[in-house]
C-alpha atoms as a PDB file:
ATOM      1  CA  MET A   1      61.217 -77.130 176.192  1.00  0.00           C
ATOM      2  CA  ARG A   2      61.509 -73.409 175.391  1.00  0.00           C
ATOM      3  CA  THR A   3      65.255 -73.761 174.977  1.00  0.00           C
ATOM      4  CA  ALA A   4      64.949 -76.688 172.560  1.00  0.00           C
ATOM      5  CA  LEU A   5      62.288 -74.965 170.440  1.00  0.00           C
ATOM      6  CA  THR A   6      64.171 -71.656 170.333  1.00  0.00           C
ATOM      7  CA  ILE A   7      67.382 -73.370 169.222  1.00  0.00           C
ATOM      8  CA  SER A   8      65.497 -75.204 166.485  1.00  0.00           C
ATOM      9  CA  ALA A   9      63.831 -72.022 165.229  1.00  0.00           C
ATOM     10  CA  SER A  10      67.109 -70.061 165.300  1.00  0.00           C
ATOM     11  CA  LEU A  11      69.015 -72.712 163.344  1.00  0.00           C
ATOM     12  CA  ALA A  12      66.276 -73.041 160.726  1.00  0.00           C
ATOM     13  CA  GLN A  13      67.229 -69.749 159.055  1.00  0.00           C
ATOM     14  CA  ILE A  14      70.157 -69.688 156.648  1.00  0.00           C
ATOM     15  CA  GLY A  15      72.617 -66.961 157.584  1.00  0.00           C
ATOM     16  CA  GLU A  16      73.313 -64.048 155.265  1.00  0.00           C
ATOM     17  CA  PHE A  17      76.956 -65.161 155.189  1.00  0.00           C
ATOM     18  CA  SER A  18      75.897 -68.029 152.915  1.00  0.00           C
ATOM     19  CA  PHE A  19      75.321 -65.471 150.128  1.00  0.00           C
ATOM     20  CA  ILE A  20      78.936 -64.350 150.355  1.00  0.00           C
ATOM     21  CA  LEU A  21      80.255 -67.911 150.358  1.00  0.00           C
ATOM     22  CA  ALA A  22      78.090 -68.879 147.391  1.00  0.00           C
ATOM     23  CA  GLU A  23      79.232 -65.862 145.369  1.00  0.00           C
ATOM     24  CA  LEU A  24      82.845 -66.583 146.264  1.00  0.00           C
ATOM     25  CA  GLY A  25      82.402 -70.176 145.129  1.00  0.00           C
ATOM     26  CA  VAL A  26      81.075 -69.024 141.752  1.00  0.00           C
ATOM     27  CA  ASN A  27      83.919 -66.535 141.294  1.00  0.00           C
ATOM     28  CA  LEU A  28      86.472 -69.281 141.997  1.00  0.00           C
ATOM     29  CA  ASP A  29      84.706 -71.698 139.647  1.00  0.00           C
ATOM     30  CA  LEU A  30      84.026 -74.028 142.558  1.00  0.00           C
ATOM     31  CA  LEU A  31      80.263 -73.664 142.359  1.00  0.00           C
ATOM     32  CA  PRO A  32      78.037 -73.442 139.278  1.00  0.00           C
ATOM     33  CA  PRO A  33      75.726 -70.410 139.033  1.00  0.00           C
ATOM     34  CA  ARG A  34      72.696 -72.699 139.195  1.00  0.00           C
ATOM     35  CA  ALA A  35      73.787 -73.980 142.618  1.00  0.00           C
ATOM     36  CA  ARG A  36      74.211 -70.398 143.810  1.00  0.00           C
ATOM     37  CA  ASP A  37      70.670 -69.608 142.664  1.00  0.00           C
ATOM     38  CA  LEU A  38      69.357 -72.630 144.567  1.00  0.00           C
ATOM     39  CA  ILE A  39      71.159 -71.501 147.717  1.00  0.00           C
ATOM     40  CA  LEU A  40      69.713 -68.012 147.312  1.00  0.00           C
ATOM     41  CA  ALA A  41      66.201 -69.387 146.826  1.00  0.00           C
ATOM     42  CA  GLY A  42      66.524 -71.634 149.872  1.00  0.00           C
ATOM     43  CA  ALA A  43      67.838 -68.770 151.979  1.00  0.00           C
ATOM     44  CA  ILE A  44      64.966 -66.491 150.997  1.00  0.00           C
ATOM     45  CA  VAL A  45      62.423 -69.184 151.837  1.00  0.00           C
ATOM     46  CA  SER A  46      64.033 -69.873 155.227  1.00  0.00           C
ATOM     47  CA  ILE A  47      64.167 -66.148 156.065  1.00  0.00           C
ATOM     48  CA  LEU A  48      60.490 -65.738 155.176  1.00  0.00           C
ATOM     49  CA  LEU A  49      59.462 -68.779 157.218  1.00  0.00           C
ATOM     50  CA  ASN A  50      61.562 -67.942 160.291  1.00  0.00           C
ATOM     51  CA  PRO A  51      59.144 -65.379 161.842  1.00  0.00           C
ATOM     52  CA  LEU A  52      56.304 -67.857 161.325  1.00  0.00           C
ATOM     53  CA  MET A  53      58.298 -70.518 163.172  1.00  0.00           C
ATOM     54  CA  PHE A  54      58.835 -68.213 166.150  1.00  0.00           C
ATOM     55  CA  ALA A  55      55.123 -67.339 166.182  1.00  0.00           C
ATOM     56  CA  ALA A  56      54.180 -71.014 166.024  1.00  0.00           C
ATOM     57  CA  MET A  57      56.678 -71.750 168.795  1.00  0.00           C
ATOM     58  CA  ASP A  58      55.045 -69.209 171.119  1.00  0.00           C
ATOM     59  CA  ARG A  59      51.594 -70.697 170.479  1.00  0.00           C
ATOM     60  CA  LEU A  60      52.887 -74.217 171.074  1.00  0.00           C
ATOM     61  CA  LEU A  61      54.552 -73.206 174.332  1.00  0.00           C
ATOM     62  CA  LYS A  62      51.362 -71.553 175.599  1.00  0.00           C
ATOM     63  CA  ARG A  63      49.425 -74.717 174.786  1.00  0.00           C
ATOM     64  CA  LEU A  64      51.989 -76.891 176.558  1.00  0.00           C
ATOM     65  CA  GLU A  65      52.039 -74.579 179.583  1.00  0.00           C
ATOM     66  CA  THR A  66      48.239 -74.733 179.784  1.00  0.00           C
ATOM     67  CA  ARG A  67      48.348 -78.511 179.591  1.00  0.00           C
ATOM     68  CA  GLY A  68      51.041 -78.569 182.272  1.00  0.00           C
ATOM     69  CA  LYS A  69      48.861 -76.516 184.623  1.00  0.00           C
ATOM     70  CA  GLU A  70      45.964 -78.913 184.066  1.00  0.00           C
ATOM     71  CA  THR A  71      48.064 -81.967 184.951  1.00  0.00           C
ATOM     72  CA  GLY A  72      49.329 -80.271 188.118  1.00  0.00           C
ATOM     73  CA  PRO A  73      52.760 -79.626 189.583  1.00  0.00           C
ATOM     74  CA  ALA A  74      53.131 -83.182 190.906  1.00  0.00           C
ATOM     75  CA  GLU A  75      53.874 -84.471 187.412  1.00  0.00           C
ATOM     76  CA  ALA A  76      56.373 -81.747 186.550  1.00  0.00           C
ATOM     77  CA  ALA A  77      60.043 -82.684 186.579  1.00  0.00           C
ATOM     78  CA  PRO A  78      62.046 -80.840 189.269  1.00  0.00           C
ATOM     79  CA  ASP A  79      64.786 -78.465 188.179  1.00  0.00           C
ATOM     80  CA  THR A  80      68.318 -79.678 188.687  1.00  0.00           C
ATOM     81  CA  ILE A  81      70.231 -77.245 190.874  1.00  0.00           C
ATOM     82  CA  SER A  82      73.928 -77.736 191.425  1.00  0.00           C
ATOM     83  CA  PRO A  83      75.345 -76.987 194.892  1.00  0.00           C
ATOM     84  CA  ALA A  84      77.451 -74.170 193.413  1.00  0.00           C
ATOM     85  CA  ASP A  85      74.391 -72.441 191.925  1.00  0.00           C
ATOM     86  CA  ALA A  86      72.334 -72.918 195.081  1.00  0.00           C
ATOM     87  CA  SER A  87      74.983 -71.181 197.221  1.00  0.00           C
ATOM     88  CA  LEU A  88      75.427 -68.071 195.059  1.00  0.00           C
ATOM     89  CA  PRO A  89      75.224 -64.973 197.288  1.00  0.00           C
ATOM     90  CA  VAL A  90      72.908 -62.157 196.239  1.00  0.00           C
ATOM     91  CA  SER A  91      74.720 -58.961 195.259  1.00  0.00           C
ATOM     92  CA  SER A  92      74.392 -56.003 197.609  1.00  0.00           C
ATOM     93  CA  LEU A  93      74.599 -53.474 194.763  1.00  0.00           C
ATOM     94  CA  GLU A  94      71.727 -51.056 194.140  1.00  0.00           C
ATOM     95  CA  GLY A  95      70.974 -48.942 191.078  1.00  0.00           C
ATOM     96  CA  HIS A  96      73.496 -51.004 189.164  1.00  0.00           C
ATOM     97  CA  VAL A  97      73.635 -52.307 185.595  1.00  0.00           C
ATOM     98  CA  VAL A  98      73.589 -56.074 185.151  1.00  0.00           C
ATOM     99  CA  LEU A  99      75.817 -56.831 182.166  1.00  0.00           C
ATOM    100  CA  VAL A 100      75.230 -60.318 180.771  1.00  0.00           C
ATOM    101  CA  GLY A 101      78.290 -61.496 178.856  1.00  0.00           C
ATOM    102  CA  TYR A 102      81.755 -59.955 178.663  1.00  0.00           C
ATOM    103  CA  GLY A 103      82.877 -60.914 175.176  1.00  0.00           C
ATOM    104  CA  ARG A 104      83.602 -58.572 172.279  1.00  0.00           C
ATOM    105  CA  VAL A 105      80.399 -56.573 172.759  1.00  0.00           C
ATOM    106  CA  GLY A 106      80.061 -56.868 176.516  1.00  0.00           C
ATOM    107  CA  SER A 107      83.638 -55.794 177.212  1.00  0.00           C
ATOM    108  CA  LEU A 108      83.146 -52.589 175.207  1.00  0.00           C
ATOM    109  CA  ILE A 109      79.980 -51.833 177.164  1.00  0.00           C
ATOM    110  CA  GLY A 110      81.815 -52.586 180.389  1.00  0.00           C
ATOM    111  CA  GLN A 111      84.625 -50.215 179.430  1.00  0.00           C
ATOM    112  CA  THR A 112      82.076 -47.445 178.870  1.00  0.00           C
ATOM    113  CA  LEU A 113      80.502 -48.118 182.270  1.00  0.00           C
ATOM    114  CA  LEU A 114      83.940 -47.985 183.889  1.00  0.00           C
ATOM    115  CA  GLU A 115      84.796 -44.705 182.173  1.00  0.00           C
ATOM    116  CA  ARG A 116      81.512 -43.203 183.386  1.00  0.00           C
ATOM    117  CA  ARG A 117      82.014 -44.698 186.843  1.00  0.00           C
ATOM    118  CA  HIS A 118      78.639 -46.389 186.760  1.00  0.00           C
ATOM    119  CA  THR A 119      78.161 -49.290 189.149  1.00  0.00           C
ATOM    120  CA  PHE A 120      77.720 -52.630 187.407  1.00  0.00           C
ATOM    121  CA  LEU A 121      78.237 -56.342 187.753  1.00  0.00           C
ATOM    122  CA  VAL A 122      78.885 -58.982 185.115  1.00  0.00           C
ATOM    123  CA  ILE A 123      77.342 -62.408 184.579  1.00  0.00           C
ATOM    124  CA  GLU A 124      79.870 -64.599 182.776  1.00  0.00           C
ATOM    125  CA  ASP A 125      80.572 -68.334 182.519  1.00  0.00           C
ATOM    126  CA  THR A 126      84.011 -68.328 180.867  1.00  0.00           C
ATOM    127  CA  ASP A 127      86.613 -69.168 183.508  1.00  0.00           C
ATOM    128  CA  THR A 128      89.418 -67.020 182.082  1.00  0.00           C
ATOM    129  CA  THR A 129      87.146 -63.992 181.715  1.00  0.00           C
ATOM    130  CA  VAL A 130      85.773 -64.448 185.230  1.00  0.00           C
ATOM    131  CA  ALA A 131      89.322 -64.545 186.612  1.00  0.00           C
ATOM    132  CA  GLN A 132      90.299 -61.396 184.687  1.00  0.00           C
ATOM    133  CA  LEU A 133      87.234 -59.502 185.920  1.00  0.00           C
ATOM    134  CA  ARG A 134      87.867 -60.457 189.527  1.00  0.00           C
ATOM    135  CA  LYS A 135      91.512 -59.454 189.196  1.00  0.00           C
ATOM    136  CA  ALA A 136      90.341 -56.054 187.901  1.00  0.00           C
ATOM    137  CA  GLY A 137      88.058 -55.646 190.920  1.00  0.00           C
ATOM    138  CA  ILE A 138      84.815 -55.970 188.940  1.00  0.00           C
ATOM    139  CA  GLU A 139      82.002 -57.869 190.628  1.00  0.00           C
ATOM    140  CA  VAL A 140      81.177 -60.949 188.580  1.00  0.00           C
ATOM    141  CA  ILE A 141      78.726 -63.822 188.949  1.00  0.00           C
ATOM    142  CA  ASP A 142      80.196 -67.038 187.610  1.00  0.00           C
ATOM    143  CA  GLY A 143      77.436 -69.023 185.929  1.00  0.00           C
ATOM    144  CA  ASN A 144      75.045 -69.476 183.021  1.00  0.00           C
ATOM    145  CA  VAL A 145      72.509 -66.668 182.831  1.00  0.00           C
ATOM    146  CA  ALA A 146      69.784 -69.110 181.784  1.00  0.00           C
ATOM    147  CA  LYS A 147      69.783 -70.529 185.316  1.00  0.00           C
ATOM    148  CA  PRO A 148      67.328 -68.727 187.647  1.00  0.00           C
ATOM    149  CA  GLN A 149      69.764 -68.950 190.582  1.00  0.00           C
ATOM    150  CA  VAL A 150      72.382 -66.994 188.638  1.00  0.00           C
ATOM    151  CA  LEU A 151      70.004 -64.167 187.758  1.00  0.00           C
ATOM    152  CA  LYS A 152      68.687 -64.098 191.317  1.00  0.00           C
ATOM    153  CA  ALA A 153      72.221 -63.453 192.556  1.00  0.00           C
ATOM    154  CA  ALA A 154      72.379 -60.303 190.396  1.00  0.00           C
ATOM    155  CA  ASN A 155      69.795 -58.585 192.648  1.00  0.00           C
ATOM    156  CA  LEU A 156      67.531 -57.600 189.760  1.00  0.00           C
ATOM    157  CA  ALA A 157      65.001 -56.083 192.154  1.00  0.00           C
ATOM    158  CA  LYS A 158      67.466 -53.280 192.965  1.00  0.00           C
ATOM    159  CA  ALA A 159      69.096 -52.999 189.509  1.00  0.00           C
ATOM    160  CA  SER A 160      68.485 -50.050 187.177  1.00  0.00           C
ATOM    161  CA  CYS A 161      69.092 -51.873 183.889  1.00  0.00           C
ATOM    162  CA  MET A 162      70.084 -55.218 182.415  1.00  0.00           C
ATOM    163  CA  VAL A 163      72.127 -55.398 179.213  1.00  0.00           C
ATOM    164  CA  VAL A 164      72.102 -58.789 177.482  1.00  0.00           C
ATOM    165  CA  ALA A 165      75.262 -58.793 175.364  1.00  0.00           C
ATOM    166  CA  ILE A 166      75.555 -62.515 174.619  1.00  0.00           C
ATOM    167  CA  PRO A 167      75.092 -63.721 171.009  1.00  0.00           C
ATOM    168  CA  ASN A 168      73.240 -66.897 172.008  1.00  0.00           C
ATOM    169  CA  ALA A 169      69.598 -66.214 171.116  1.00  0.00           C
ATOM    170  CA  PHE A 170      67.920 -68.817 173.299  1.00  0.00           C
ATOM    171  CA  GLU A 171      69.970 -68.020 176.415  1.00  0.00           C
ATOM    172  CA  ALA A 172      69.320 -64.313 175.832  1.00  0.00           C
ATOM    173  CA  GLY A 173      65.595 -65.025 175.574  1.00  0.00           C
ATOM    174  CA  GLN A 174      65.579 -66.960 178.832  1.00  0.00           C
ATOM    175  CA  ALA A 175      67.480 -64.169 180.572  1.00  0.00           C
ATOM    176  CA  VAL A 176      65.079 -61.509 179.302  1.00  0.00           C
ATOM    177  CA  GLN A 177      61.992 -63.500 180.264  1.00  0.00           C
ATOM    178  CA  GLN A 178      63.227 -64.297 183.770  1.00  0.00           C
ATOM    179  CA  ALA A 179      64.436 -60.743 184.386  1.00  0.00           C
ATOM    180  CA  ARG A 180      61.117 -59.269 183.310  1.00  0.00           C
ATOM    181  CA  ALA A 181      59.275 -61.609 185.670  1.00  0.00           C
ATOM    182  CA  ALA A 182      61.632 -60.733 188.536  1.00  0.00           C
ATOM    183  CA  ASN A 183      61.383 -56.963 188.042  1.00  0.00           C
ATOM    184  CA  PRO A 184      58.572 -55.679 185.775  1.00  0.00           C
ATOM    185  CA  SER A 185      59.981 -52.127 185.846  1.00  0.00           C
ATOM    186  CA  LEU A 186      63.555 -53.113 184.977  1.00  0.00           C
ATOM    187  CA  ARG A 187      64.952 -51.590 181.789  1.00  0.00           C
ATOM    188  CA  ILE A 188      66.216 -54.398 179.540  1.00  0.00           C
ATOM    189  CA  ILE A 189      68.462 -53.921 176.489  1.00  0.00           C
ATOM    190  CA  ALA A 190      69.439 -56.923 174.357  1.00  0.00           C
ATOM    191  CA  ARG A 191      71.380 -57.688 171.175  1.00  0.00           C
ATOM    192  CA  ALA A 192      70.202 -59.693 168.167  1.00  0.00           C
ATOM    193  CA  HIS A 193      71.420 -60.812 164.757  1.00  0.00           C
ATOM    194  CA  SER A 194      68.166 -60.934 162.778  1.00  0.00           C
ATOM    195  CA  ASP A 195      64.690 -59.414 162.635  1.00  0.00           C
ATOM    196  CA  PRO A 196      63.049 -62.624 163.971  1.00  0.00           C
ATOM    197  CA  GLN A 197      65.373 -62.499 166.979  1.00  0.00           C
ATOM    198  CA  VAL A 198      64.449 -58.850 167.534  1.00  0.00           C
ATOM    199  CA  GLU A 199      60.755 -59.754 167.543  1.00  0.00           C
ATOM    200  CA  HIS A 200      61.397 -62.767 169.771  1.00  0.00           C
ATOM    201  CA  LEU A 201      63.337 -60.859 172.433  1.00  0.00           C
ATOM    202  CA  SER A 202      60.914 -57.936 172.336  1.00  0.00           C
ATOM    203  CA  GLY A 203      58.037 -60.345 172.825  1.00  0.00           C
ATOM    204  CA  LEU A 204      59.737 -61.804 175.901  1.00  0.00           C
ATOM    205  CA  GLY A 205      60.039 -58.379 177.520  1.00  0.00           C
ATOM    206  CA  ALA A 206      63.106 -56.538 176.209  1.00  0.00           C
ATOM    207  CA  ASP A 207      62.572 -52.763 176.039  1.00  0.00           C
ATOM    208  CA  THR A 208      65.228 -52.233 173.371  1.00  0.00           C
ATOM    209  CA  VAL A 209      66.789 -54.780 171.015  1.00  0.00           C
ATOM    210  CA  VAL A 210      69.798 -53.703 168.959  1.00  0.00           C
ATOM    211  CA  MET A 211      70.513 -55.687 165.796  1.00  0.00           C
ATOM    212  CA  GLY A 212      74.226 -55.593 165.042  1.00  0.00           C
ATOM    213  CA  GLU A 213      73.952 -55.846 161.274  1.00  0.00           C
ATOM    214  CA  ARG A 214      71.501 -52.940 161.130  1.00  0.00           C
ATOM    215  CA  GLU A 215      73.757 -50.736 163.262  1.00  0.00           C
ATOM    216  CA  ILE A 216      76.742 -51.579 161.042  1.00  0.00           C
ATOM    217  CA  ALA A 217      74.746 -50.651 157.942  1.00  0.00           C
ATOM    218  CA  ARG A 218      73.616 -47.417 159.583  1.00  0.00           C
ATOM    219  CA  GLY A 219      77.201 -46.514 160.487  1.00  0.00           C
ATOM    220  CA  ILE A 220      78.397 -47.159 156.935  1.00  0.00           C
ATOM    221  CA  ALA A 221      75.516 -45.138 155.485  1.00  0.00           C
ATOM    222  CA  GLU A 222      76.333 -42.208 157.774  1.00  0.00           C
ATOM    223  CA  ARG A 223      79.912 -42.257 156.532  1.00  0.00           C
ATOM    224  CA  LEU A 224      78.768 -42.469 152.928  1.00  0.00           C
ATOM    225  CA  PHE A 225      76.633 -39.376 153.334  1.00  0.00           C
ATOM    226  CA  PRO A 226      78.130 -37.359 156.209  1.00  0.00           C
ATOM    227  CA  GLU A 227      76.214 -34.370 157.471  1.00  0.00           C
ATOM    228  CA  PRO A 228      77.771 -31.075 156.331  1.00  0.00           C
ATOM    229  CA  ARG A 229      79.722 -29.291 159.027  1.00  0.00           C
ATOM    230  CA  ALA A 230      78.474 -25.939 160.194  1.00  0.00           C
ATOM    231  CA  ASP A 231      80.406 -23.024 158.728  1.00  0.00           C
ATOM    232  CA  ARG A 232      82.798 -21.484 161.185  1.00  0.00           C
ATOM    233  CA  GLY A 233      82.345 -17.786 161.722  1.00  0.00           C
ATOM    234  CA  SER A 234      85.231 -15.540 160.770  1.00  0.00           C
ATOM    235  CA  GLY A 235      86.801 -13.763 163.694  1.00  0.00           C
END
């Protein structure tokens, strides 16, 4: 239920990329200016409503969870566990970083951990990436992080930090929520693409949520107005 509602709320907001496409359409005479204005108005409305949808989703989930407790566990549908997930061994690592996702962002984080010789394991469900990690001698758990059995195998109780580097908002939210329940003192860092996602992941237990677009803007601004270098003393 949480997954379905989170997907719906995430897809309800028009992406900022639509502004660029609309402007490009006007410049190429493929789209009239009035249509661009309508797209802009719709985008603004969807962006304003998106935080309200996440707030309403949380209230609805609490109400459904309360109703589920009243009806009792006998009526709840059992989770489907595949034999492969059920047999996942628990990692023996301690003080390690659990890196969720090894795509464009995750691989850069992993490279930094390797350079600093910090112990870590990766949770990844892409077959080619899993094979590459194993070939490189990096411990990897092959599976979807949204499944409790996969997170359990990461030995969160002994981990020092979990970094959620996947772009999928609802899977990231499930990972954060389950990790926080498994280890209340675990440091959790996640990525997001919008302010509503930042609020959502923070509300589920993430200590730090980094929004990519904001960090890009900050990097550009720092290069626009670089800090003056300290004068070198004459020798």
